Amino acid sequence: MSCDEIEALRLGLMNVLGTEDDAVRQHAEQELGDALNGDGPIAALANAESVAALQRHLDAALVDLEAEVAAADPSDPEIDYLRGRLVAVRDAERSLARIADSGETLLSDLGDSHHTLHEVFPTDE
C-alpha cells in the first residue's frame, strides 16, 4: 500500500520550503518509485517549486485518486485504505490552501506596512 499523493506532496513542499532532509527525501523517493519518472500528477507534485504548483498538481492527483476510489470494488479488502487515503489527501489539500492563504495575507500585510512607512516617512522619490 502506498500513499503516493502524500509522499509526493512532502517532496514538493520540501522543494518549496528549501528543506534539506536526505533521509526523508530518500524514503519518499523509494516509496514513489516509478511514479517519479512519469509525467503524471505525482511526479509533477514531487517536483513542484511553488505553492501554486503544489496546489495545481495536488488537485490533479486528487482527481485521479477520486476516480480510483469510484472504480474500486466495494468488496476489495483494500477499499478502506483507499478511502482513508482519499480523506487524508483532501485534508492535505485544505492544509495547503491555508498555507497559500497565509502567504497571501503576509504579502498584503507587508504591502500595507511599506505604504504606512512611506506615509509616516515620505521620500523624495
PDB file of N, CA and C in Angstrom:
ATOM      1  N   MET A   1       0.849  -1.176   0.000  1.00  0.00           N
ATOM      2  CA  MET A   1       0.000   0.000   0.000  1.00  0.00           C
ATOM      3  C   MET A   1       0.890   1.232   0.000  1.00  0.00           C
ATOM      4  N   SER A   2       0.514   2.156  -0.829  1.00  0.00           N
ATOM      5  CA  SER A   2       1.333   3.347  -0.989  1.00  0.00           C
ATOM      6  C   SER A   2       0.470   4.589  -0.887  1.00  0.00           C
ATOM      7  N   CYS A   3       1.046   5.589  -0.318  1.00  0.00           N
ATOM      8  CA  CYS A   3       0.366   6.872  -0.155  1.00  0.00           C
ATOM      9  C   CYS A   3       1.061   7.886  -1.060  1.00  0.00           C
ATOM     10  N   ASP A   4       1.003   7.640  -2.362  1.00  0.00           N
ATOM     11  CA  ASP A   4       1.773   8.433  -3.319  1.00  0.00           C
ATOM     12  C   ASP A   4       1.513   9.925  -3.218  1.00  0.00           C
ATOM     13  N   GLU A   5       0.264  10.309  -3.082  1.00  0.00           N
ATOM     14  CA  GLU A   5      -0.076  11.733  -3.070  1.00  0.00           C
ATOM     15  C   GLU A   5       0.578  12.454  -1.889  1.00  0.00           C
ATOM     16  N   ILE A   6       0.538  11.830  -0.725  1.00  0.00           N
ATOM     17  CA  ILE A   6       1.114  12.451   0.477  1.00  0.00           C
ATOM     18  C   ILE A   6       2.637  12.519   0.367  1.00  0.00           C
ATOM     19  N   GLU A   7       3.259  11.431  -0.081  1.00  0.00           N
ATOM     20  CA  GLU A   7       4.713  11.428  -0.219  1.00  0.00           C
ATOM     21  C   GLU A   7       5.172  12.430  -1.276  1.00  0.00           C
ATOM     22  N   ALA A   8       4.452  12.513  -2.381  1.00  0.00           N
ATOM     23  CA  ALA A   8       4.814  13.474  -3.429  1.00  0.00           C
ATOM     24  C   ALA A   8       4.632  14.898  -2.924  1.00  0.00           C
ATOM     25  N   LEU A   9       3.569  15.137  -2.173  1.00  0.00           N
ATOM     26  CA  LEU A   9       3.348  16.469  -1.600  1.00  0.00           C
ATOM     27  C   LEU A   9       4.478  16.820  -0.634  1.00  0.00           C
ATOM     28  N   ARG A  10       4.917  15.870   0.154  1.00  0.00           N
ATOM     29  CA  ARG A  10       6.034  16.122   1.069  1.00  0.00           C
ATOM     30  C   ARG A  10       7.279  16.529   0.306  1.00  0.00           C
ATOM     31  N   LEU A  11       7.574  15.807  -0.783  1.00  0.00           N
ATOM     32  CA  LEU A  11       8.751  16.157  -1.584  1.00  0.00           C
ATOM     33  C   LEU A  11       8.614  17.550  -2.187  1.00  0.00           C
ATOM     34  N   GLY A  12       7.451  17.843  -2.745  1.00  0.00           N
ATOM     35  CA  GLY A  12       7.233  19.156  -3.336  1.00  0.00           C
ATOM     36  C   GLY A  12       7.313  20.263  -2.300  1.00  0.00           C
ATOM     37  N   LEU A  13       6.753  20.026  -1.144  1.00  0.00           N
ATOM     38  CA  LEU A  13       6.797  21.027  -0.081  1.00  0.00           C
ATOM     39  C   LEU A  13       8.233  21.244   0.397  1.00  0.00           C
ATOM     40  N   MET A  14       9.017  20.180   0.428  1.00  0.00           N
ATOM     41  CA  MET A  14      10.432  20.332   0.774  1.00  0.00           C
ATOM     42  C   MET A  14      11.128  21.216  -0.253  1.00  0.00           C
ATOM     43  N   ASN A  15      10.788  21.062  -1.524  1.00  0.00           N
ATOM     44  CA  ASN A  15      11.360  21.924  -2.568  1.00  0.00           C
ATOM     45  C   ASN A  15      10.990  23.381  -2.317  1.00  0.00           C
ATOM     46  N   VAL A  16       9.716  23.618  -2.068  1.00  0.00           N
ATOM     47  CA  VAL A  16       9.214  24.984  -1.893  1.00  0.00           C
ATOM     48  C   VAL A  16       9.838  25.643  -0.667  1.00  0.00           C
ATOM     49  N   LEU A  17       9.967  24.883   0.402  1.00  0.00           N
ATOM     50  CA  LEU A  17      10.496  25.435   1.650  1.00  0.00           C
ATOM     51  C   LEU A  17      12.018  25.428   1.710  1.00  0.00           C
ATOM     52  N   GLY A  18      12.651  24.744   0.773  1.00  0.00           N
ATOM     53  CA  GLY A  18      14.103  24.646   0.797  1.00  0.00           C
ATOM     54  C   GLY A  18      14.606  23.718   1.879  1.00  0.00           C
ATOM     55  N   THR A  19      13.794  22.750   2.257  1.00  0.00           N
ATOM     56  CA  THR A  19      14.144  21.816   3.320  1.00  0.00           C
ATOM     57  C   THR A  19      15.071  20.735   2.796  1.00  0.00           C
ATOM     58  N   GLU A  20      16.176  20.562   3.480  1.00  0.00           N
ATOM     59  CA  GLU A  20      17.140  19.519   3.123  1.00  0.00           C
ATOM     60  C   GLU A  20      17.086  18.431   4.185  1.00  0.00           C
ATOM     61  N   ASP A  21      16.511  17.308   3.841  1.00  0.00           N
ATOM     62  CA  ASP A  21      16.476  16.155   4.737  1.00  0.00           C
ATOM     63  C   ASP A  21      16.603  14.924   3.859  1.00  0.00           C
ATOM     64  N   ASP A  22      17.840  14.479   3.681  1.00  0.00           N
ATOM     65  CA  ASP A  22      18.113  13.383   2.766  1.00  0.00           C
ATOM     66  C   ASP A  22      17.378  12.101   3.138  1.00  0.00           C
ATOM     67  N   ALA A  23      17.238  11.832   4.422  1.00  0.00           N
ATOM     68  CA  ALA A  23      16.560  10.604   4.854  1.00  0.00           C
ATOM     69  C   ALA A  23      15.085  10.626   4.433  1.00  0.00           C
ATOM     70  N   VAL A  24      14.429  11.741   4.660  1.00  0.00           N
ATOM     71  CA  VAL A  24      13.023  11.867   4.278  1.00  0.00           C
ATOM     72  C   VAL A  24      12.886  11.798   2.766  1.00  0.00           C
ATOM     73  N   ARG A  25      13.753  12.503   2.070  1.00  0.00           N
ATOM     74  CA  ARG A  25      13.707  12.520   0.603  1.00  0.00           C
ATOM     75  C   ARG A  25      13.921  11.113   0.034  1.00  0.00           C
ATOM     76  N   GLN A  26      14.926  10.409   0.532  1.00  0.00           N
ATOM     77  CA  GLN A  26      15.207   9.065   0.034  1.00  0.00           C
ATOM     78  C   GLN A  26      14.051   8.107   0.309  1.00  0.00           C
ATOM     79  N   HIS A  27      13.479   8.204   1.506  1.00  0.00           N
ATOM     80  CA  HIS A  27      12.341   7.346   1.848  1.00  0.00           C
ATOM     81  C   HIS A  27      11.166   7.607   0.907  1.00  0.00           C
ATOM     82  N   ALA A  28      10.853   8.875   0.690  1.00  0.00           N
ATOM     83  CA  ALA A  28       9.726   9.230  -0.183  1.00  0.00           C
ATOM     84  C   ALA A  28       9.993   8.790  -1.619  1.00  0.00           C
ATOM     85  N   GLU A  29      11.199   9.024  -2.099  1.00  0.00           N
ATOM     86  CA  GLU A  29      11.536   8.624  -3.470  1.00  0.00           C
ATOM     87  C   GLU A  29      11.462   7.115  -3.634  1.00  0.00           C
ATOM     88  N   GLN A  30      11.885   6.382  -2.604  1.00  0.00           N
ATOM     89  CA  GLN A  30      11.811   4.928  -2.640  1.00  0.00           C
ATOM     90  C   GLN A  30      10.352   4.471  -2.684  1.00  0.00           C
ATOM     91  N   GLU A  31       9.526   5.077  -1.873  1.00  0.00           N
ATOM     92  CA  GLU A  31       8.115   4.694  -1.829  1.00  0.00           C
ATOM     93  C   GLU A  31       7.414   5.022  -3.151  1.00  0.00           C
ATOM     94  N   LEU A  32       7.762   6.132  -3.760  1.00  0.00           N
ATOM     95  CA  LEU A  32       7.114   6.548  -5.005  1.00  0.00           C
ATOM     96  C   LEU A  32       7.622   5.763  -6.211  1.00  0.00           C
ATOM     97  N   GLY A  33       8.868   5.365  -6.183  1.00  0.00           N
ATOM     98  CA  GLY A  33       9.421   4.536  -7.246  1.00  0.00           C
ATOM     99  C   GLY A  33       9.204   5.104  -8.636  1.00  0.00           C
ATOM    100  N   ASP A  34       8.625   4.296  -9.513  1.00  0.00           N
ATOM    101  CA  ASP A  34       8.441   4.672 -10.918  1.00  0.00           C
ATOM    102  C   ASP A  34       7.489   5.848 -11.124  1.00  0.00           C
ATOM    103  N   ALA A  35       6.648   6.134 -10.145  1.00  0.00           N
ATOM    104  CA  ALA A  35       5.713   7.264 -10.279  1.00  0.00           C
ATOM    105  C   ALA A  35       6.459   8.592 -10.438  1.00  0.00           C
ATOM    106  N   LEU A  36       7.708   8.628  -9.973  1.00  0.00           N
ATOM    107  CA  LEU A  36       8.513   9.852 -10.110  1.00  0.00           C
ATOM    108  C   LEU A  36       9.032  10.047 -11.531  1.00  0.00           C
ATOM    109  N   ASN A  37       9.041   8.983 -12.318  1.00  0.00           N
ATOM    110  CA  ASN A  37       9.597   9.049 -13.664  1.00  0.00           C
ATOM    111  C   ASN A  37       8.576   9.432 -14.721  1.00  0.00           C
ATOM    112  N   GLY A  38       7.320   9.386 -14.390  1.00  0.00           N
ATOM    113  CA  GLY A  38       6.284   9.685 -15.372  1.00  0.00           C
ATOM    114  C   GLY A  38       6.048  11.166 -15.527  1.00  0.00           C
ATOM    115  N   ASP A  39       5.034  11.475 -16.311  1.00  0.00           N
ATOM    116  CA  ASP A  39       4.664  12.878 -16.487  1.00  0.00           C
ATOM    117  C   ASP A  39       3.292  13.143 -15.861  1.00  0.00           C
ATOM    118  N   GLY A  40       2.895  12.285 -14.935  1.00  0.00           N
ATOM    119  CA  GLY A  40       1.609  12.437 -14.268  1.00  0.00           C
ATOM    120  C   GLY A  40       1.667  13.392 -13.096  1.00  0.00           C
ATOM    121  N   PRO A  41       0.542  13.534 -12.416  1.00  0.00           N
ATOM    122  CA  PRO A  41       0.465  14.493 -11.312  1.00  0.00           C
ATOM    123  C   PRO A  41       1.357  14.157 -10.116  1.00  0.00           C
ATOM    124  N   ILE A  42       1.658  12.884  -9.903  1.00  0.00           N
ATOM    125  CA  ILE A  42       2.517  12.520  -8.768  1.00  0.00           C
ATOM    126  C   ILE A  42       3.936  13.046  -8.997  1.00  0.00           C
ATOM    127  N   ALA A  43       4.475  12.800 -10.178  1.00  0.00           N
ATOM    128  CA  ALA A  43       5.821  13.303 -10.495  1.00  0.00           C
ATOM    129  C   ALA A  43       5.850  14.829 -10.478  1.00  0.00           C
ATOM    130  N   ALA A  44       4.821  15.437 -11.050  1.00  0.00           N
ATOM    131  CA  ALA A  44       4.755  16.902 -11.083  1.00  0.00           C
ATOM    132  C   ALA A  44       4.655  17.474  -9.672  1.00  0.00           C
ATOM    133  N   LEU A  45       3.875  16.833  -8.827  1.00  0.00           N
ATOM    134  CA  LEU A  45       3.710  17.273  -7.437  1.00  0.00           C
ATOM    135  C   LEU A  45       5.038  17.169  -6.694  1.00  0.00           C
ATOM    136  N   ALA A  46       5.737  16.066  -6.866  1.00  0.00           N
ATOM    137  CA  ALA A  46       7.018  15.861  -6.184  1.00  0.00           C
ATOM    138  C   ALA A  46       8.070  16.866  -6.627  1.00  0.00           C
ATOM    139  N   ASN A  47       7.941  17.378  -7.841  1.00  0.00           N
ATOM    140  CA  ASN A  47       8.933  18.309  -8.381  1.00  0.00           C
ATOM    141  C   ASN A  47       8.478  19.768  -8.354  1.00  0.00           C
ATOM    142  N   ALA A  48       7.343  20.039  -7.763  1.00  0.00           N
ATOM    143  CA  ALA A  48       6.809  21.405  -7.723  1.00  0.00           C
ATOM    144  C   ALA A  48       7.771  22.337  -6.999  1.00  0.00           C
ATOM    145  N   GLU A  49       7.777  23.592  -7.448  1.00  0.00           N
ATOM    146  CA  GLU A  49       8.682  24.568  -6.847  1.00  0.00           C
ATOM    147  C   GLU A  49       7.968  25.831  -6.380  1.00  0.00           C
ATOM    148  N   SER A  50       6.630  25.794  -6.354  1.00  0.00           N
ATOM    149  CA  SER A  50       5.856  26.920  -5.820  1.00  0.00           C
ATOM    150  C   SER A  50       4.599  26.377  -5.165  1.00  0.00           C
ATOM    151  N   VAL A  51       4.018  27.170  -4.295  1.00  0.00           N
ATOM    152  CA  VAL A  51       2.775  26.754  -3.638  1.00  0.00           C
ATOM    153  C   VAL A  51       1.665  26.599  -4.680  1.00  0.00           C
ATOM    154  N   ALA A  52       1.617  27.496  -5.650  1.00  0.00           N
ATOM    155  CA  ALA A  52       0.603  27.402  -6.705  1.00  0.00           C
ATOM    156  C   ALA A  52       0.743  26.094  -7.477  1.00  0.00           C
ATOM    157  N   ALA A  53       1.978  25.700  -7.781  1.00  0.00           N
ATOM    158  CA  ALA A  53       2.205  24.433  -8.487  1.00  0.00           C
ATOM    159  C   ALA A  53       1.812  23.260  -7.597  1.00  0.00           C
ATOM    160  N   LEU A  54       2.120  23.332  -6.323  1.00  0.00           N
ATOM    161  CA  LEU A  54       1.696  22.279  -5.395  1.00  0.00           C
ATOM    162  C   LEU A  54       0.181  22.124  -5.424  1.00  0.00           C
ATOM    163  N   GLN A  55      -0.533  23.235  -5.355  1.00  0.00           N
ATOM    164  CA  GLN A  55      -1.987  23.180  -5.351  1.00  0.00           C
ATOM    165  C   GLN A  55      -2.526  22.586  -6.650  1.00  0.00           C
ATOM    166  N   ARG A  56      -1.979  23.030  -7.757  1.00  0.00           N
ATOM    167  CA  ARG A  56      -2.445  22.566  -9.068  1.00  0.00           C
ATOM    168  C   ARG A  56      -2.214  21.059  -9.239  1.00  0.00           C
ATOM    169  N   HIS A  57      -1.029  20.600  -8.895  1.00  0.00           N
ATOM    170  CA  HIS A  57      -0.705  19.190  -9.087  1.00  0.00           C
ATOM    171  C   HIS A  57      -1.379  18.302  -8.039  1.00  0.00           C
ATOM    172  N   LEU A  58      -1.575  18.814  -6.834  1.00  0.00           N
ATOM    173  CA  LEU A  58      -2.309  18.042  -5.834  1.00  0.00           C
ATOM    174  C   LEU A  58      -3.757  17.885  -6.265  1.00  0.00           C
ATOM    175  N   ASP A  59      -4.321  18.924  -6.842  1.00  0.00           N
ATOM    176  CA  ASP A  59      -5.695  18.836  -7.342  1.00  0.00           C
ATOM    177  C   ASP A  59      -5.809  17.762  -8.423  1.00  0.00           C
ATOM    178  N   ALA A  60      -4.836  17.722  -9.332  1.00  0.00           N
ATOM    179  CA  ALA A  60      -4.848  16.707 -10.396  1.00  0.00           C
ATOM    180  C   ALA A  60      -4.688  15.306  -9.806  1.00  0.00           C
ATOM    181  N   ALA A  61      -3.820  15.153  -8.819  1.00  0.00           N
ATOM    182  CA  ALA A  61      -3.635  13.855  -8.176  1.00  0.00           C
ATOM    183  C   ALA A  61      -4.907  13.436  -7.443  1.00  0.00           C
ATOM    184  N   LEU A  62      -5.583  14.403  -6.850  1.00  0.00           N
ATOM    185  CA  LEU A  62      -6.832  14.124  -6.145  1.00  0.00           C
ATOM    186  C   LEU A  62      -7.915  13.654  -7.110  1.00  0.00           C
ATOM    187  N   VAL A  63      -7.993  14.238  -8.284  1.00  0.00           N
ATOM    188  CA  VAL A  63      -8.953  13.805  -9.294  1.00  0.00           C
ATOM    189  C   VAL A  63      -8.695  12.339  -9.662  1.00  0.00           C
ATOM    190  N   ASP A  64      -7.424  12.007  -9.873  1.00  0.00           N
ATOM    191  CA  ASP A  64      -7.074  10.615 -10.193  1.00  0.00           C
ATOM    192  C   ASP A  64      -7.434   9.669  -9.052  1.00  0.00           C
ATOM    193  N   LEU A  65      -7.161  10.080  -7.824  1.00  0.00           N
ATOM    194  CA  LEU A  65      -7.470   9.247  -6.668  1.00  0.00           C
ATOM    195  C   LEU A  65      -8.971   9.062  -6.513  1.00  0.00           C
ATOM    196  N   GLU A  66      -9.738  10.129  -6.713  1.00  0.00           N
ATOM    197  CA  GLU A  66     -11.195  10.016  -6.633  1.00  0.00           C
ATOM    198  C   GLU A  66     -11.725   9.024  -7.671  1.00  0.00           C
ATOM    199  N   ALA A  67     -11.155   9.045  -8.867  1.00  0.00           N
ATOM    200  CA  ALA A  67     -11.553   8.103  -9.915  1.00  0.00           C
ATOM    201  C   ALA A  67     -11.196   6.675  -9.511  1.00  0.00           C
ATOM    202  N   GLU A  68     -10.041   6.507  -8.898  1.00  0.00           N
ATOM    203  CA  GLU A  68      -9.623   5.186  -8.442  1.00  0.00           C
ATOM    204  C   GLU A  68     -10.571   4.651  -7.373  1.00  0.00           C
ATOM    205  N   VAL A  69     -10.967   5.508  -6.442  1.00  0.00           N
ATOM    206  CA  VAL A  69     -11.905   5.103  -5.387  1.00  0.00           C
ATOM    207  C   VAL A  69     -13.257   4.748  -6.000  1.00  0.00           C
ATOM    208  N   ALA A  70     -13.724   5.562  -6.932  1.00  0.00           N
ATOM    209  CA  ALA A  70     -15.029   5.315  -7.565  1.00  0.00           C
ATOM    210  C   ALA A  70     -15.032   3.999  -8.342  1.00  0.00           C
ATOM    211  N   ALA A  71     -13.902   3.636  -8.927  1.00  0.00           N
ATOM    212  CA  ALA A  71     -13.828   2.420  -9.733  1.00  0.00           C
ATOM    213  C   ALA A  71     -13.540   1.164  -8.911  1.00  0.00           C
ATOM    214  N   ALA A  72     -13.177   1.341  -7.650  1.00  0.00           N
ATOM    215  CA  ALA A  72     -12.784   0.203  -6.816  1.00  0.00           C
ATOM    216  C   ALA A  72     -13.984  -0.683  -6.484  1.00  0.00           C
ATOM    217  N   ASP A  73     -13.712  -1.965  -6.388  1.00  0.00           N
ATOM    218  CA  ASP A  73     -14.722  -2.940  -5.986  1.00  0.00           C
ATOM    219  C   ASP A  73     -14.968  -2.784  -4.484  1.00  0.00           C
ATOM    220  N   PRO A  74     -16.221  -2.551  -4.080  1.00  0.00           N
ATOM    221  CA  PRO A  74     -16.515  -2.359  -2.647  1.00  0.00           C
ATOM    222  C   PRO A  74     -16.123  -3.546  -1.768  1.00  0.00           C
ATOM    223  N   SER A  75     -15.958  -4.718  -2.364  1.00  0.00           N
ATOM    224  CA  SER A  75     -15.577  -5.889  -1.571  1.00  0.00           C
ATOM    225  C   SER A  75     -14.057  -6.066  -1.482  1.00  0.00           C
ATOM    226  N   ASP A  76     -13.324  -5.224  -2.159  1.00  0.00           N
ATOM    227  CA  ASP A  76     -11.860  -5.289  -2.130  1.00  0.00           C
ATOM    228  C   ASP A  76     -11.382  -5.012  -0.713  1.00  0.00           C
ATOM    229  N   PRO A  77     -10.510  -5.858  -0.178  1.00  0.00           N
ATOM    230  CA  PRO A  77     -10.025  -5.632   1.188  1.00  0.00           C
ATOM    231  C   PRO A  77      -9.227  -4.327   1.345  1.00  0.00           C
ATOM    232  N   GLU A  78      -8.777  -3.756   0.237  1.00  0.00           N
ATOM    233  CA  GLU A  78      -8.003  -2.516   0.277  1.00  0.00           C
ATOM    234  C   GLU A  78      -8.884  -1.267   0.237  1.00  0.00           C
ATOM    235  N   ILE A  79     -10.207  -1.434   0.083  1.00  0.00           N
ATOM    236  CA  ILE A  79     -11.093  -0.278  -0.124  1.00  0.00           C
ATOM    237  C   ILE A  79     -11.061   0.694   1.056  1.00  0.00           C
ATOM    238  N   ASP A  80     -10.987   0.185   2.261  1.00  0.00           N
ATOM    239  CA  ASP A  80     -10.961   1.088   3.424  1.00  0.00           C
ATOM    240  C   ASP A  80      -9.695   1.936   3.428  1.00  0.00           C
ATOM    241  N   TYR A  81      -8.564   1.318   3.087  1.00  0.00           N
ATOM    242  CA  TYR A  81      -7.322   2.078   2.998  1.00  0.00           C
ATOM    243  C   TYR A  81      -7.421   3.131   1.894  1.00  0.00           C
ATOM    244  N   LEU A  82      -7.975   2.748   0.761  1.00  0.00           N
ATOM    245  CA  LEU A  82      -8.112   3.661  -0.366  1.00  0.00           C
ATOM    246  C   LEU A  82      -8.989   4.855   0.006  1.00  0.00           C
ATOM    247  N   ARG A  83     -10.072   4.587   0.688  1.00  0.00           N
ATOM    248  CA  ARG A  83     -10.959   5.672   1.144  1.00  0.00           C
ATOM    249  C   ARG A  83     -10.259   6.550   2.181  1.00  0.00           C
ATOM    250  N   GLY A  84      -9.512   5.933   3.074  1.00  0.00           N
ATOM    251  CA  GLY A  84      -8.757   6.696   4.070  1.00  0.00           C
ATOM    252  C   GLY A  84      -7.713   7.587   3.409  1.00  0.00           C
ATOM    253  N   ARG A  85      -7.088   7.055   2.371  1.00  0.00           N
ATOM    254  CA  ARG A  85      -6.115   7.851   1.620  1.00  0.00           C
ATOM    255  C   ARG A  85      -6.783   9.071   0.995  1.00  0.00           C
ATOM    256  N   LEU A  86      -7.994   8.880   0.476  1.00  0.00           N
ATOM    257  CA  LEU A  86      -8.738   9.992  -0.108  1.00  0.00           C
ATOM    258  C   LEU A  86      -9.018  11.067   0.947  1.00  0.00           C
ATOM    259  N   VAL A  87      -9.414  10.654   2.120  1.00  0.00           N
ATOM    260  CA  VAL A  87      -9.673  11.608   3.208  1.00  0.00           C
ATOM    261  C   VAL A  87      -8.388  12.352   3.578  1.00  0.00           C
ATOM    262  N   ALA A  88      -7.274  11.627   3.674  1.00  0.00           N
ATOM    263  CA  ALA A  88      -6.005  12.250   4.037  1.00  0.00           C
ATOM    264  C   ALA A  88      -5.554  13.260   2.979  1.00  0.00           C
ATOM    265  N   VAL A  89      -5.745  12.934   1.709  1.00  0.00           N
ATOM    266  CA  VAL A  89      -5.327  13.846   0.645  1.00  0.00           C
ATOM    267  C   VAL A  89      -6.227  15.077   0.609  1.00  0.00           C
ATOM    268  N   ARG A  90      -7.503  14.897   0.829  1.00  0.00           N
ATOM    269  CA  ARG A  90      -8.397  16.064   0.896  1.00  0.00           C
ATOM    270  C   ARG A  90      -8.015  16.968   2.065  1.00  0.00           C
ATOM    271  N   ASP A  91      -7.649  16.360   3.183  1.00  0.00           N
ATOM    272  CA  ASP A  91      -7.210  17.147   4.337  1.00  0.00           C
ATOM    273  C   ASP A  91      -5.919  17.896   4.007  1.00  0.00           C
ATOM    274  N   ALA A  92      -5.007  17.237   3.324  1.00  0.00           N
ATOM    275  CA  ALA A  92      -3.760  17.894   2.910  1.00  0.00           C
ATOM    276  C   ALA A  92      -4.056  19.056   1.965  1.00  0.00           C
ATOM    277  N   GLU A  93      -5.044  18.882   1.097  1.00  0.00           N
ATOM    278  CA  GLU A  93      -5.432  19.956   0.177  1.00  0.00           C
ATOM    279  C   GLU A  93      -5.916  21.182   0.955  1.00  0.00           C
ATOM    280  N   ARG A  94      -6.695  20.960   1.997  1.00  0.00           N
ATOM    281  CA  ARG A  94      -7.169  22.085   2.826  1.00  0.00           C
ATOM    282  C   ARG A  94      -6.004  22.745   3.571  1.00  0.00           C
ATOM    283  N   SER A  95      -5.079  21.941   4.069  1.00  0.00           N
ATOM    284  CA  SER A  95      -3.911  22.493   4.764  1.00  0.00           C
ATOM    285  C   SER A  95      -3.055  23.332   3.822  1.00  0.00           C
ATOM    286  N   LEU A  96      -2.886  22.846   2.611  1.00  0.00           N
ATOM    287  CA  LEU A  96      -2.113  23.590   1.618  1.00  0.00           C
ATOM    288  C   LEU A  96      -2.809  24.897   1.257  1.00  0.00           C
ATOM    289  N   ALA A  97      -4.131  24.884   1.189  1.00  0.00           N
ATOM    290  CA  ALA A  97      -4.880  26.115   0.920  1.00  0.00           C
ATOM    291  C   ALA A  97      -4.659  27.127   2.047  1.00  0.00           C
ATOM    292  N   ARG A  98      -4.585  26.650   3.287  1.00  0.00           N
ATOM    293  CA  ARG A  98      -4.323  27.558   4.416  1.00  0.00           C
ATOM    294  C   ARG A  98      -2.926  28.167   4.315  1.00  0.00           C
ATOM    295  N   ILE A  99      -1.959  27.371   3.882  1.00  0.00           N
ATOM    296  CA  ILE A  99      -0.601  27.891   3.692  1.00  0.00           C
ATOM    297  C   ILE A  99      -0.610  28.990   2.633  1.00  0.00           C
ATOM    298  N   ALA A 100      -1.298  28.731   1.520  1.00  0.00           N
ATOM    299  CA  ALA A 100      -1.374  29.726   0.441  1.00  0.00           C
ATOM    300  C   ALA A 100      -2.064  30.992   0.925  1.00  0.00           C
ATOM    301  N   ASP A 101      -3.153  30.835   1.659  1.00  0.00           N
ATOM    302  CA  ASP A 101      -3.871  31.998   2.190  1.00  0.00           C
ATOM    303  C   ASP A 101      -3.001  32.789   3.161  1.00  0.00           C
ATOM    304  N   SER A 102      -2.261  32.088   4.008  1.00  0.00           N
ATOM    305  CA  SER A 102      -1.374  32.771   4.960  1.00  0.00           C
ATOM    306  C   SER A 102      -0.283  33.538   4.232  1.00  0.00           C
ATOM    307  N   GLY A 103       0.258  32.943   3.183  1.00  0.00           N
ATOM    308  CA  GLY A 103       1.280  33.633   2.397  1.00  0.00           C
ATOM    309  C   GLY A 103       0.725  34.877   1.736  1.00  0.00           C
ATOM    310  N   GLU A 104      -0.480  34.792   1.182  1.00  0.00           N
ATOM    311  CA  GLU A 104      -1.112  35.956   0.550  1.00  0.00           C
ATOM    312  C   GLU A 104      -1.401  37.042   1.581  1.00  0.00           C
ATOM    313  N   THR A 105      -1.820  36.642   2.772  1.00  0.00           N
ATOM    314  CA  THR A 105      -2.072  37.608   3.843  1.00  0.00           C
ATOM    315  C   THR A 105      -0.776  38.307   4.245  1.00  0.00           C
ATOM    316  N   LEU A 106       0.300  37.538   4.380  1.00  0.00           N
ATOM    317  CA  LEU A 106       1.604  38.121   4.710  1.00  0.00           C
ATOM    318  C   LEU A 106       2.037  39.111   3.633  1.00  0.00           C
ATOM    319  N   LEU A 107       1.877  38.743   2.382  1.00  0.00           N
ATOM    320  CA  LEU A 107       2.240  39.626   1.278  1.00  0.00           C
ATOM    321  C   LEU A 107       1.454  40.934   1.341  1.00  0.00           C
ATOM    322  N   SER A 108       0.167  40.832   1.595  1.00  0.00           N
ATOM    323  CA  SER A 108      -0.671  42.023   1.717  1.00  0.00           C
ATOM    324  C   SER A 108      -0.256  42.881   2.915  1.00  0.00           C
ATOM    325  N   ASP A 109       0.011  42.228   4.040  1.00  0.00           N
ATOM    326  CA  ASP A 109       0.434  42.948   5.247  1.00  0.00           C
ATOM    327  C   ASP A 109       1.759  43.686   5.026  1.00  0.00           C
ATOM    328  N   LEU A 110       2.672  43.052   4.326  1.00  0.00           N
ATOM    329  CA  LEU A 110       3.947  43.709   4.020  1.00  0.00           C
ATOM    330  C   LEU A 110       3.732  44.934   3.133  1.00  0.00           C
ATOM    331  N   GLY A 111       2.819  44.815   2.173  1.00  0.00           N
ATOM    332  CA  GLY A 111       2.492  45.961   1.328  1.00  0.00           C
ATOM    333  C   GLY A 111       1.903  47.102   2.140  1.00  0.00           C
ATOM    334  N   ASP A 112       1.007  46.765   3.075  1.00  0.00           N
ATOM    335  CA  ASP A 112       0.422  47.787   3.952  1.00  0.00           C
ATOM    336  C   ASP A 112       1.493  48.452   4.817  1.00  0.00           C
ATOM    337  N   SER A 113       2.401  47.643   5.356  1.00  0.00           N
ATOM    338  CA  SER A 113       3.483  48.182   6.189  1.00  0.00           C
ATOM    339  C   SER A 113       4.366  49.131   5.377  1.00  0.00           C
ATOM    340  N   HIS A 114       4.678  48.729   4.164  1.00  0.00           N
ATOM    341  CA  HIS A 114       5.503  49.558   3.293  1.00  0.00           C
ATOM    342  C   HIS A 114       4.804  50.894   3.012  1.00  0.00           C
ATOM    343  N   HIS A 115       3.520  50.810   2.698  1.00  0.00           N
ATOM    344  CA  HIS A 115       2.745  52.023   2.418  1.00  0.00           C
ATOM    345  C   HIS A 115       2.701  52.933   3.650  1.00  0.00           C
ATOM    346  N   THR A 116       2.486  52.355   4.822  1.00  0.00           N
ATOM    347  CA  THR A 116       2.422  53.128   6.063  1.00  0.00           C
ATOM    348  C   THR A 116       3.763  53.808   6.346  1.00  0.00           C
ATOM    349  N   LEU A 117       4.851  53.093   6.144  1.00  0.00           N
ATOM    350  CA  LEU A 117       6.175  53.694   6.359  1.00  0.00           C
ATOM    351  C   LEU A 117       6.383  54.912   5.463  1.00  0.00           C
ATOM    352  N   HIS A 118       5.924  54.815   4.205  1.00  0.00           N
ATOM    353  CA  HIS A 118       6.081  55.949   3.304  1.00  0.00           C
ATOM    354  C   HIS A 118       5.131  57.103   3.661  1.00  0.00           C
ATOM    355  N   GLU A 119       4.018  56.814   4.271  1.00  0.00           N
ATOM    356  CA  GLU A 119       3.135  57.888   4.742  1.00  0.00           C
ATOM    357  C   GLU A 119       3.768  58.613   5.916  1.00  0.00           C
ATOM    358  N   VAL A 120       4.373  57.851   6.815  1.00  0.00           N
ATOM    359  CA  VAL A 120       4.974  58.429   8.013  1.00  0.00           C
ATOM    360  C   VAL A 120       6.312  59.094   7.684  1.00  0.00           C
ATOM    361  N   PHE A 121       7.066  58.498   6.799  1.00  0.00           N
ATOM    362  CA  PHE A 121       8.376  58.988   6.423  1.00  0.00           C
ATOM    363  C   PHE A 121       8.418  59.149   4.903  1.00  0.00           C
ATOM    364  N   PRO A 122       7.857  60.243   4.396  1.00  0.00           N
ATOM    365  CA  PRO A 122       7.814  60.443   2.940  1.00  0.00           C
ATOM    366  C   PRO A 122       9.222  60.512   2.346  1.00  0.00           C
ATOM    367  N   THR A 123       9.319  60.026   1.138  1.00  0.00           N
ATOM    368  CA  THR A 123      10.594  60.091   0.411  1.00  0.00           C
ATOM    369  C   THR A 123      10.418  61.026  -0.780  1.00  0.00           C
ATOM    370  N   ASP A 124      11.536  61.477  -1.318  1.00  0.00           N
ATOM    371  CA  ASP A 124      11.503  62.392  -2.461  1.00  0.00           C
ATOM    372  C   ASP A 124      11.352  61.646  -3.772  1.00  0.00           C
ATOM    373  N   GLU A 125      11.357  60.317  -3.759  1.00  0.00           N
ATOM    374  CA  GLU A 125      11.321  59.530  -4.995  1.00  0.00           C
ATOM    375  C   GLU A 125      10.001  59.586  -5.662  1.00  0.00           C
TER     376      GLU A 125
END
